[in-house]
Amino acid sequence: MNTLQEKGWFDALDAVEPPSQEYLAHALTLRVVASLRHYMREHKLTQREVASRMGVTQAQVSKWLNYDSNMTLRTLACFLDALGTDWPEIVLAPKTKTSAQQADRKTRSRSSSHAVTR
């Protein structure tokens, strides 16, 4: 296994080159959205419930959570209010594993469990 696979995605990119402002903005967006999704999952909140609390459609919440639409700071504040939390719990929360990292881990564990021993 190479070093980039052993490290997290963000750590691997940080090790390659100094991050640009564009990279930092994208990384922050990924981390905040991953934290929002994690919080919703932990508290068993659906997109429909959050949308209702925010006064928007479920489709709009889906766009924010799937990176199809930029979320302003004002929108983030409304989102956090709808979740019943505030920014330190979400933005300063420990890193959560992205879906890609979780899928990669599942794939590796499946392939290692099917390995042929000699």
N, C-alpha and C. Protein backbone atom coordinates (compact mmCIF):
# COMPACT_ATOMS: atom_id res chain seq x y z
N MET A 1 0.85 -1.18 0.00
CA MET A 1 0.00 0.00 0.00
C MET A 1 0.90 1.24 0.00
N ASN A 2 0.58 2.20 -0.86
CA ASN A 2 1.45 3.38 -0.89
C ASN A 2 1.04 4.39 0.17
N THR A 3 1.90 5.35 0.40
CA THR A 3 1.71 6.32 1.47
C THR A 3 0.44 7.14 1.29
N LEU A 4 0.11 7.50 0.04
CA LEU A 4 -1.09 8.32 -0.18
C LEU A 4 -2.36 7.58 0.20
N GLN A 5 -2.40 6.26 0.05
CA GLN A 5 -3.58 5.49 0.44
C GLN A 5 -3.67 5.38 1.95
N GLU A 6 -2.55 5.36 2.63
CA GLU A 6 -2.56 5.24 4.09
C GLU A 6 -3.02 6.53 4.76
N LYS A 7 -2.74 7.65 4.14
CA LYS A 7 -3.13 8.94 4.70
C LYS A 7 -4.55 9.28 4.29
N GLY A 8 -5.14 10.21 4.97
CA GLY A 8 -6.45 10.72 4.56
C GLY A 8 -6.28 11.55 3.30
N TRP A 9 -7.38 11.78 2.58
CA TRP A 9 -7.34 12.52 1.32
C TRP A 9 -6.76 13.91 1.50
N PHE A 10 -7.21 14.65 2.51
CA PHE A 10 -6.73 16.01 2.74
C PHE A 10 -5.26 16.00 3.11
N ASP A 11 -4.85 15.08 3.97
CA ASP A 11 -3.46 15.00 4.39
C ASP A 11 -2.56 14.70 3.19
N ALA A 12 -3.01 13.83 2.31
CA ALA A 12 -2.22 13.46 1.15
C ALA A 12 -2.02 14.67 0.24
N LEU A 13 -3.07 15.45 0.00
CA LEU A 13 -2.93 16.62 -0.84
C LEU A 13 -2.06 17.69 -0.19
N ASP A 14 -2.20 17.86 1.12
CA ASP A 14 -1.37 18.84 1.82
C ASP A 14 0.10 18.49 1.71
N ALA A 15 0.42 17.21 1.66
CA ALA A 15 1.81 16.77 1.60
C ALA A 15 2.42 17.00 0.22
N VAL A 16 1.59 17.12 -0.82
CA VAL A 16 2.09 17.24 -2.18
C VAL A 16 2.55 18.66 -2.50
N GLU A 17 1.76 19.63 -2.18
CA GLU A 17 2.10 21.02 -2.50
C GLU A 17 1.39 21.95 -1.54
N PRO A 18 1.91 23.17 -1.40
CA PRO A 18 1.22 24.13 -0.53
C PRO A 18 -0.16 24.43 -1.09
N PRO A 19 -1.17 24.44 -0.26
CA PRO A 19 -2.53 24.66 -0.76
C PRO A 19 -2.77 26.08 -1.25
N SER A 20 -3.53 26.19 -2.34
CA SER A 20 -3.92 27.49 -2.87
C SER A 20 -5.18 27.96 -2.16
N GLN A 21 -5.56 29.20 -2.38
CA GLN A 21 -6.81 29.72 -1.79
C GLN A 21 -8.00 28.94 -2.32
N GLU A 22 -7.97 28.58 -3.59
CA GLU A 22 -9.08 27.82 -4.17
C GLU A 22 -9.18 26.45 -3.51
N TYR A 23 -8.04 25.82 -3.32
CA TYR A 23 -8.02 24.50 -2.65
C TYR A 23 -8.56 24.63 -1.22
N LEU A 24 -8.10 25.64 -0.49
CA LEU A 24 -8.54 25.82 0.89
C LEU A 24 -10.05 26.04 0.97
N ALA A 25 -10.59 26.85 0.04
CA ALA A 25 -12.03 27.10 0.03
C ALA A 25 -12.79 25.81 -0.27
N HIS A 26 -12.29 25.04 -1.22
CA HIS A 26 -12.95 23.77 -1.57
C HIS A 26 -12.85 22.78 -0.40
N ALA A 27 -11.68 22.70 0.23
CA ALA A 27 -11.50 21.79 1.36
C ALA A 27 -12.41 22.17 2.52
N LEU A 28 -12.54 23.47 2.77
CA LEU A 28 -13.43 23.93 3.85
C LEU A 28 -14.87 23.56 3.54
N THR A 29 -15.29 23.75 2.28
CA THR A 29 -16.65 23.38 1.87
C THR A 29 -16.88 21.90 2.08
N LEU A 30 -15.93 21.08 1.64
CA LEU A 30 -16.06 19.63 1.80
C LEU A 30 -16.19 19.25 3.28
N ARG A 31 -15.37 19.84 4.11
CA ARG A 31 -15.39 19.50 5.54
C ARG A 31 -16.68 19.95 6.20
N VAL A 32 -17.15 21.15 5.88
CA VAL A 32 -18.39 21.65 6.49
C VAL A 32 -19.57 20.80 6.05
N VAL A 33 -19.67 20.52 4.76
CA VAL A 33 -20.79 19.72 4.26
C VAL A 33 -20.73 18.30 4.84
N ALA A 34 -19.53 17.72 4.90
CA ALA A 34 -19.40 16.38 5.49
C ALA A 34 -19.83 16.41 6.95
N SER A 35 -19.50 17.48 7.66
CA SER A 35 -19.91 17.60 9.06
C SER A 35 -21.42 17.76 9.19
N LEU A 36 -22.04 18.54 8.29
CA LEU A 36 -23.50 18.70 8.30
C LEU A 36 -24.18 17.36 8.06
N ARG A 37 -23.68 16.63 7.06
CA ARG A 37 -24.26 15.32 6.74
C ARG A 37 -24.09 14.36 7.92
N HIS A 38 -22.92 14.38 8.55
CA HIS A 38 -22.65 13.52 9.70
C HIS A 38 -23.61 13.87 10.86
N TYR A 39 -23.77 15.15 11.13
CA TYR A 39 -24.65 15.60 12.20
C TYR A 39 -26.09 15.15 11.93
N MET A 40 -26.53 15.32 10.69
CA MET A 40 -27.89 14.91 10.34
C MET A 40 -28.07 13.41 10.53
N ARG A 41 -27.08 12.65 10.09
CA ARG A 41 -27.15 11.18 10.24
C ARG A 41 -27.18 10.80 11.72
N GLU A 42 -26.31 11.40 12.52
CA GLU A 42 -26.24 11.09 13.95
C GLU A 42 -27.54 11.43 14.68
N HIS A 43 -28.21 12.49 14.22
CA HIS A 43 -29.45 12.94 14.88
C HIS A 43 -30.70 12.49 14.12
N LYS A 44 -30.50 11.60 13.15
CA LYS A 44 -31.61 11.02 12.38
C LYS A 44 -32.54 12.09 11.78
N LEU A 45 -31.92 13.11 11.18
CA LEU A 45 -32.67 14.17 10.52
C LEU A 45 -32.63 13.95 9.01
N THR A 46 -33.78 14.02 8.37
CA THR A 46 -33.84 13.87 6.92
C THR A 46 -33.69 15.24 6.25
N GLN A 47 -33.38 15.19 4.97
CA GLN A 47 -33.30 16.44 4.21
C GLN A 47 -34.65 17.14 4.22
N ARG A 48 -35.71 16.37 4.14
CA ARG A 48 -37.06 16.94 4.14
C ARG A 48 -37.34 17.69 5.45
N GLU A 49 -36.93 17.10 6.59
CA GLU A 49 -37.13 17.76 7.89
C GLU A 49 -36.34 19.06 7.98
N VAL A 50 -35.08 19.00 7.55
CA VAL A 50 -34.25 20.21 7.59
C VAL A 50 -34.82 21.27 6.66
N ALA A 51 -35.25 20.87 5.47
CA ALA A 51 -35.84 21.81 4.51
C ALA A 51 -37.08 22.49 5.10
N SER A 52 -37.92 21.71 5.75
CA SER A 52 -39.13 22.26 6.37
C SER A 52 -38.77 23.29 7.43
N ARG A 53 -37.79 22.98 8.24
CA ARG A 53 -37.35 23.92 9.29
C ARG A 53 -36.76 25.20 8.69
N MET A 54 -36.11 25.08 7.52
CA MET A 54 -35.48 26.23 6.88
C MET A 54 -36.44 27.02 6.00
N GLY A 55 -37.56 26.39 5.63
CA GLY A 55 -38.49 27.06 4.73
C GLY A 55 -38.05 27.00 3.28
N VAL A 56 -37.31 25.93 2.92
CA VAL A 56 -36.87 25.72 1.55
C VAL A 56 -37.31 24.32 1.11
N THR A 57 -37.04 23.99 -0.12
CA THR A 57 -37.41 22.66 -0.61
C THR A 57 -36.36 21.63 -0.23
N GLN A 58 -36.79 20.37 -0.23
CA GLN A 58 -35.85 19.27 0.01
C GLN A 58 -34.81 19.25 -1.10
N ALA A 59 -35.20 19.59 -2.31
CA ALA A 59 -34.27 19.61 -3.44
C ALA A 59 -33.13 20.61 -3.21
N GLN A 60 -33.45 21.76 -2.61
CA GLN A 60 -32.41 22.76 -2.34
C GLN A 60 -31.44 22.24 -1.28
N VAL A 61 -31.95 21.61 -0.24
CA VAL A 61 -31.07 21.04 0.78
C VAL A 61 -30.18 19.97 0.15
N SER A 62 -30.74 19.17 -0.72
CA SER A 62 -29.97 18.15 -1.42
C SER A 62 -28.84 18.77 -2.24
N LYS A 63 -29.12 19.88 -2.91
CA LYS A 63 -28.09 20.57 -3.70
C LYS A 63 -26.95 21.02 -2.80
N TRP A 64 -27.28 21.59 -1.64
CA TRP A 64 -26.22 22.04 -0.73
C TRP A 64 -25.40 20.86 -0.22
N LEU A 65 -26.07 19.77 0.10
CA LEU A 65 -25.38 18.62 0.68
C LEU A 65 -24.64 17.78 -0.36
N ASN A 66 -24.91 18.01 -1.63
CA ASN A 66 -24.24 17.27 -2.69
C ASN A 66 -23.34 18.17 -3.53
N TYR A 67 -23.00 19.33 -2.98
CA TYR A 67 -22.05 20.27 -3.60
C TYR A 67 -22.52 20.80 -4.95
N ASP A 68 -23.84 20.74 -5.21
CA ASP A 68 -24.36 21.26 -6.47
C ASP A 68 -24.67 22.75 -6.39
N SER A 69 -24.58 23.33 -5.21
CA SER A 69 -24.89 24.74 -5.03
C SER A 69 -24.05 25.27 -3.88
N ASN A 70 -23.43 26.42 -4.09
CA ASN A 70 -22.66 27.03 -3.01
C ASN A 70 -23.57 27.50 -1.90
N MET A 71 -23.11 27.31 -0.69
CA MET A 71 -23.87 27.74 0.47
C MET A 71 -23.21 29.01 1.02
N THR A 72 -23.99 30.08 1.14
CA THR A 72 -23.45 31.31 1.72
C THR A 72 -23.32 31.14 3.23
N LEU A 73 -22.61 32.05 3.86
CA LEU A 73 -22.51 32.01 5.32
C LEU A 73 -23.88 32.21 5.97
N ARG A 74 -24.70 33.04 5.36
CA ARG A 74 -26.06 33.25 5.88
C ARG A 74 -26.86 31.94 5.80
N THR A 75 -26.74 31.25 4.67
CA THR A 75 -27.42 29.97 4.51
C THR A 75 -26.90 28.95 5.51
N LEU A 76 -25.58 28.93 5.72
CA LEU A 76 -24.99 28.01 6.70
C LEU A 76 -25.56 28.31 8.09
N ALA A 77 -25.70 29.58 8.43
CA ALA A 77 -26.26 29.95 9.73
C ALA A 77 -27.70 29.45 9.85
N CYS A 78 -28.50 29.59 8.79
CA CYS A 78 -29.88 29.09 8.80
C CYS A 78 -29.91 27.57 8.91
N PHE A 79 -28.98 26.92 8.20
CA PHE A 79 -28.89 25.46 8.23
C PHE A 79 -28.58 25.00 9.65
N LEU A 80 -27.61 25.65 10.28
CA LEU A 80 -27.24 25.28 11.65
C LEU A 80 -28.39 25.52 12.62
N ASP A 81 -29.12 26.61 12.42
CA ASP A 81 -30.29 26.90 13.26
C ASP A 81 -31.33 25.80 13.09
N ALA A 82 -31.54 25.36 11.85
CA ALA A 82 -32.51 24.29 11.58
C ALA A 82 -32.08 22.98 12.24
N LEU A 83 -30.76 22.77 12.33
CA LEU A 83 -30.26 21.55 12.98
C LEU A 83 -30.29 21.67 14.50
N GLY A 84 -30.44 22.90 14.98
CA GLY A 84 -30.45 23.11 16.43
C GLY A 84 -29.04 23.09 17.02
N THR A 85 -28.06 23.51 16.24
CA THR A 85 -26.68 23.55 16.70
C THR A 85 -26.05 24.86 16.26
N ASP A 86 -24.78 25.06 16.59
CA ASP A 86 -24.11 26.27 16.15
C ASP A 86 -22.79 25.90 15.47
N TRP A 87 -22.11 26.90 14.96
CA TRP A 87 -20.97 26.64 14.08
C TRP A 87 -19.80 25.91 14.74
N PRO A 88 -19.45 26.13 16.00
CA PRO A 88 -18.28 25.39 16.51
C PRO A 88 -18.46 23.88 16.47
N GLU A 89 -19.66 23.41 16.74
CA GLU A 89 -19.91 21.97 16.74
C GLU A 89 -19.76 21.37 15.35
N ILE A 90 -20.10 22.14 14.32
CA ILE A 90 -20.01 21.65 12.94
C ILE A 90 -18.66 21.98 12.32
N VAL A 91 -18.31 23.26 12.30
CA VAL A 91 -17.10 23.70 11.60
C VAL A 91 -15.83 23.26 12.31
N LEU A 92 -15.83 23.27 13.64
CA LEU A 92 -14.64 22.90 14.38
C LEU A 92 -14.65 21.45 14.82
N ALA A 93 -15.65 20.70 14.35
CA ALA A 93 -15.76 19.28 14.72
C ALA A 93 -14.57 18.52 14.15
N PRO A 94 -14.25 17.39 14.76
CA PRO A 94 -13.17 16.57 14.20
C PRO A 94 -13.50 16.16 12.77
N LYS A 95 -12.47 15.91 11.99
CA LYS A 95 -12.67 15.51 10.60
C LYS A 95 -13.51 14.25 10.56
N THR A 96 -14.45 14.24 9.63
CA THR A 96 -15.25 13.03 9.41
C THR A 96 -14.77 12.37 8.14
N LYS A 97 -14.93 11.09 8.06
CA LYS A 97 -14.52 10.38 6.85
C LYS A 97 -15.49 10.71 5.72
N THR A 98 -14.95 10.97 4.56
CA THR A 98 -15.80 11.23 3.41
C THR A 98 -16.37 9.93 2.90
N SER A 99 -17.40 10.00 2.11
CA SER A 99 -18.00 8.80 1.53
C SER A 99 -16.98 8.02 0.71
N ALA A 100 -16.11 8.74 0.00
CA ALA A 100 -15.09 8.07 -0.81
C ALA A 100 -14.13 7.28 0.08
N GLN A 101 -13.72 7.88 1.20
CA GLN A 101 -12.82 7.18 2.11
C GLN A 101 -13.50 5.95 2.70
N GLN A 102 -14.78 6.07 3.06
CA GLN A 102 -15.50 4.94 3.63
C GLN A 102 -15.66 3.84 2.59
N ALA A 103 -15.96 4.20 1.35
CA ALA A 103 -16.10 3.21 0.28
C ALA A 103 -14.77 2.52 0.02
N ASP A 104 -13.69 3.31 0.03
CA ASP A 104 -12.36 2.73 -0.19
C ASP A 104 -12.01 1.75 0.91
N ARG A 105 -12.32 2.10 2.15
CA ARG A 105 -12.03 1.20 3.27
C ARG A 105 -12.83 -0.09 3.15
N LYS A 106 -14.13 0.00 2.74
CA LYS A 106 -14.96 -1.19 2.57
C LYS A 106 -14.40 -2.07 1.46
N THR A 107 -13.98 -1.44 0.36
CA THR A 107 -13.42 -2.19 -0.77
C THR A 107 -12.15 -2.92 -0.35
N ARG A 108 -11.27 -2.23 0.38
CA ARG A 108 -10.03 -2.86 0.83
C ARG A 108 -10.31 -4.00 1.78
N SER A 109 -11.28 -3.84 2.69
CA SER A 109 -11.55 -4.90 3.64
C SER A 109 -12.17 -6.12 2.94
N ARG A 110 -13.00 -5.86 1.93
CA ARG A 110 -13.58 -6.98 1.16
C ARG A 110 -12.49 -7.73 0.39
N SER A 111 -11.60 -6.98 -0.25
CA SER A 111 -10.57 -7.64 -1.04
C SER A 111 -9.57 -8.37 -0.16
N SER A 112 -9.29 -7.86 1.03
CA SER A 112 -8.36 -8.56 1.92
C SER A 112 -9.01 -9.81 2.52
N SER A 113 -10.34 -9.79 2.68
CA SER A 113 -11.01 -10.96 3.24
C SER A 113 -11.13 -12.08 2.21
N HIS A 114 -10.98 -11.72 0.91
CA HIS A 114 -11.06 -12.73 -0.14
C HIS A 114 -9.67 -13.12 -0.65
N ALA A 115 -8.64 -12.67 0.05
CA ALA A 115 -7.27 -12.98 -0.38
C ALA A 115 -6.99 -14.46 -0.23
N VAL A 116 -6.24 -14.96 -1.16
CA VAL A 116 -5.85 -16.38 -1.13
C VAL A 116 -4.60 -16.51 -0.30
N THR A 117 -4.62 -17.42 0.66
CA THR A 117 -3.44 -17.65 1.48
C THR A 117 -2.67 -18.85 0.93
N ARG A 118 -1.38 -18.77 1.04
CA ARG A 118 -0.55 -19.85 0.53
C ARG A 118 0.24 -20.46 1.63
